[in-house]
Amino acid sequence: MSLWAVKNDKGEYAHIDMDELTWETGFATLWFGVNEPYAKRTASDYGGHVVELIEAPAKVVVSAEEAEMLETAKNPTFRPSSVITSYSNDHHGWDLTSDLEDRLMRAYVLGWTVEKPKRWNVKVPHVDGAYYMKLRNGKLSANSVFGNKDHIQQFTDAEI
């Protein structure tokens, strides 16, 4: 949940009282609630720009398997805490020092994003400027790339 306000170039915040807008240096009496569209309309009508006073928490990064379990936990026929606890116990036993259950509970509440597998350029040993590339038939080939390294094929840890 975020809290939005309208701020001008002088660092003053918009304050609306009895349908009259004034600009104030503090925002003790400021109120726009969580309604970003209202703040955007006010900025458009009176000038200034919209600022986020309280940032939304970052989403928790989870694996694809954990994301699938979290989707299951959203099913109304299950209790989310039971699904997450069961998953945590299956993967870490009754290890009370594991933060898996806490991390997954935060992911369920705050939202999650699935981690992307890291990819690596694989250099051909003892050959300057040569990198491995996978051919259409699945075999590896060495390819020399000079200058633009953006065209080098990248591999995941599992592929390496």
Protein backbone atom coordinates (compact mmCIF):
# COMPACT_ATOMS: atom_id res chain seq x y z
CA MET A 1 0.00 0.00 0.00
CA SER A 2 1.41 3.38 -0.93
CA LEU A 3 0.66 6.91 0.19
CA TRP A 4 0.72 9.58 -2.50
CA ALA A 5 1.09 13.38 -2.40
CA VAL A 6 1.51 16.27 -4.83
CA LYS A 7 4.69 18.32 -4.56
CA ASN A 8 5.72 21.45 -6.48
CA ASP A 9 9.19 22.53 -7.66
CA LYS A 10 9.71 24.59 -4.48
CA GLY A 11 9.41 21.46 -2.32
CA GLU A 12 5.96 22.38 -1.03
CA TYR A 13 3.12 19.87 -0.74
CA ALA A 14 -0.43 20.43 -1.93
CA HIS A 15 -3.02 20.68 0.81
CA ILE A 16 -6.73 20.73 0.08
CA ASP A 17 -9.06 22.08 2.74
CA MET A 18 -12.71 22.90 2.03
CA ASP A 19 -12.08 22.40 -1.72
CA GLU A 20 -9.34 25.07 -1.67
CA LEU A 21 -5.77 24.11 -2.52
CA THR A 22 -2.78 25.67 -0.75
CA TRP A 23 0.91 24.78 -0.87
CA GLU A 24 2.62 24.02 2.45
CA THR A 25 6.18 23.10 3.38
CA GLY A 26 5.09 20.34 5.74
CA PHE A 27 2.46 17.73 5.28
CA ALA A 28 1.12 17.27 8.79
CA THR A 29 -2.40 18.03 7.55
CA LEU A 30 -1.88 16.55 4.09
CA TRP A 31 -4.20 13.79 3.04
CA PHE A 32 -4.51 12.00 -0.28
CA GLY A 33 -4.79 8.51 1.17
CA VAL A 34 -3.69 5.70 -1.09
CA ASN A 35 -5.46 7.00 -4.15
CA GLU A 36 -2.79 7.63 -6.79
CA PRO A 37 -5.30 8.61 -9.54
CA TYR A 38 -6.66 11.41 -7.30
CA ALA A 39 -3.12 12.68 -6.69
CA LYS A 40 -2.42 12.58 -10.45
CA ARG A 41 -5.59 14.58 -11.22
CA THR A 42 -4.65 17.15 -8.57
CA ALA A 43 -1.13 17.48 -10.01
CA SER A 44 -2.60 17.88 -13.48
CA ASP A 45 -5.13 20.51 -12.35
CA TYR A 46 -2.89 22.57 -10.06
CA GLY A 47 0.66 21.80 -11.20
CA GLY A 48 3.35 19.92 -9.40
CA HIS A 49 4.11 16.23 -9.59
CA VAL A 50 3.01 13.10 -7.78
CA VAL A 51 5.38 11.66 -5.17
CA GLU A 52 5.17 8.36 -3.33
CA LEU A 53 5.56 8.98 0.40
CA ILE A 54 5.60 5.36 1.45
CA GLU A 55 7.12 2.97 -1.05
CA ALA A 56 5.53 -0.38 -1.66
CA PRO A 57 7.73 -3.20 -0.36
CA ALA A 58 9.78 -5.07 -2.92
CA LYS A 59 8.47 -8.40 -4.15
CA VAL A 60 10.17 -11.51 -2.82
CA VAL A 61 12.23 -13.52 -5.31
CA VAL A 62 11.22 -17.19 -5.36
CA SER A 63 12.05 -20.23 -7.46
CA ALA A 64 9.62 -21.57 -10.07
CA GLU A 65 8.73 -24.47 -7.76
CA GLU A 66 8.03 -22.08 -4.86
CA ALA A 67 5.90 -19.88 -7.12
CA GLU A 68 3.81 -22.90 -8.09
CA MET A 69 3.29 -23.74 -4.40
CA LEU A 70 2.32 -20.11 -3.65
CA GLU A 71 -0.28 -20.23 -6.43
CA THR A 72 -1.66 -23.39 -4.79
CA ALA A 73 -1.76 -21.55 -1.45
CA LYS A 74 -4.03 -18.91 -3.06
CA ASN A 75 -6.66 -21.61 -3.70
CA PRO A 76 -9.61 -20.84 -1.37
CA THR A 77 -10.03 -24.50 -0.43
CA PHE A 78 -6.64 -24.48 1.37
CA ARG A 79 -5.35 -22.51 4.32
CA PRO A 80 -2.31 -20.60 2.95
CA SER A 81 -0.34 -21.00 6.17
CA SER A 82 -0.85 -24.79 6.06
CA VAL A 83 0.32 -25.07 2.47
CA ILE A 84 3.43 -22.93 3.11
CA THR A 85 4.29 -24.70 6.38
CA SER A 86 3.87 -28.10 4.77
CA TYR A 87 6.10 -27.10 1.84
CA SER A 88 8.73 -25.70 4.21
CA ASN A 89 8.71 -28.85 6.34
CA ASP A 90 9.00 -31.07 3.25
CA HIS A 91 12.03 -29.15 2.01
CA HIS A 92 13.84 -28.32 5.27
CA GLY A 93 12.31 -30.72 7.78
CA TRP A 94 11.60 -29.28 11.17
CA ASP A 95 14.69 -27.05 11.05
CA LEU A 96 13.66 -24.05 13.14
CA THR A 97 16.70 -22.06 11.97
CA SER A 98 15.54 -22.15 8.34
CA ASP A 99 14.04 -18.89 7.07
CA LEU A 100 12.22 -20.62 4.19
CA GLU A 101 8.78 -20.49 5.79
CA ASP A 102 9.19 -16.82 6.77
CA ARG A 103 10.40 -15.90 3.27
CA LEU A 104 7.48 -17.73 1.64
CA MET A 105 4.95 -16.12 3.99
CA ARG A 106 6.37 -12.69 3.08
CA ALA A 107 6.14 -13.65 -0.60
CA TYR A 108 2.49 -14.66 -0.17
CA VAL A 109 1.61 -11.35 1.51
CA LEU A 110 3.82 -8.88 -0.39
CA GLY A 111 3.85 -10.59 -3.78
CA TRP A 112 6.58 -12.51 -5.55
CA THR A 113 8.60 -12.65 -8.70
CA VAL A 114 10.15 -15.79 -10.14
CA GLU A 115 13.93 -15.73 -10.27
CA LYS A 116 15.48 -15.93 -13.68
CA PRO A 117 18.30 -18.43 -14.04
CA LYS A 118 21.69 -16.76 -14.28
CA ARG A 119 23.34 -17.13 -17.64
CA TRP A 120 27.05 -17.12 -18.45
CA ASN A 121 29.33 -16.61 -21.42
CA VAL A 122 31.58 -19.64 -21.78
CA LYS A 123 35.06 -18.85 -23.08
CA VAL A 124 37.04 -21.38 -25.09
CA PRO A 125 40.20 -22.09 -23.08
CA HIS A 126 43.51 -20.90 -24.53
CA VAL A 127 41.83 -19.16 -27.52
CA ASP A 128 41.65 -15.38 -27.30
CA GLY A 129 38.20 -13.94 -28.19
CA ALA A 130 36.49 -17.32 -28.75
CA TYR A 131 33.30 -18.38 -26.98
CA TYR A 132 31.20 -21.52 -27.12
CA MET A 133 27.92 -21.42 -29.02
CA LYS A 134 25.25 -24.11 -29.34
CA LEU A 135 24.39 -25.15 -32.91
CA ARG A 136 20.86 -26.05 -34.02
CA ASN A 137 21.69 -29.74 -33.78
CA GLY A 138 22.66 -29.23 -30.11
CA LYS A 139 26.42 -29.58 -30.58
CA LEU A 140 28.87 -26.97 -29.36
CA SER A 141 30.99 -24.83 -31.62
CA ALA A 142 33.70 -22.29 -30.90
CA ASN A 143 33.00 -18.87 -32.37
CA SER A 144 35.30 -15.85 -32.36
CA VAL A 145 33.58 -12.62 -31.44
CA PHE A 146 35.49 -9.36 -31.63
CA GLY A 147 34.07 -6.04 -30.56
CA ASN A 148 30.38 -6.63 -29.80
CA LYS A 149 30.01 -9.30 -27.13
CA ASP A 150 26.20 -8.96 -27.11
CA HIS A 151 25.98 -11.69 -29.73
CA ILE A 152 27.65 -14.31 -27.55
CA GLN A 153 25.29 -17.12 -26.58
CA GLN A 154 24.83 -17.48 -22.84
CA PHE A 155 24.34 -20.72 -20.93
CA THR A 156 22.65 -21.52 -17.61
CA ASP A 157 24.52 -23.30 -14.81
CA ALA A 158 22.66 -26.51 -15.66
CA GLU A 159 23.76 -26.30 -19.29
CA ILE A 160 27.38 -25.69 -18.35
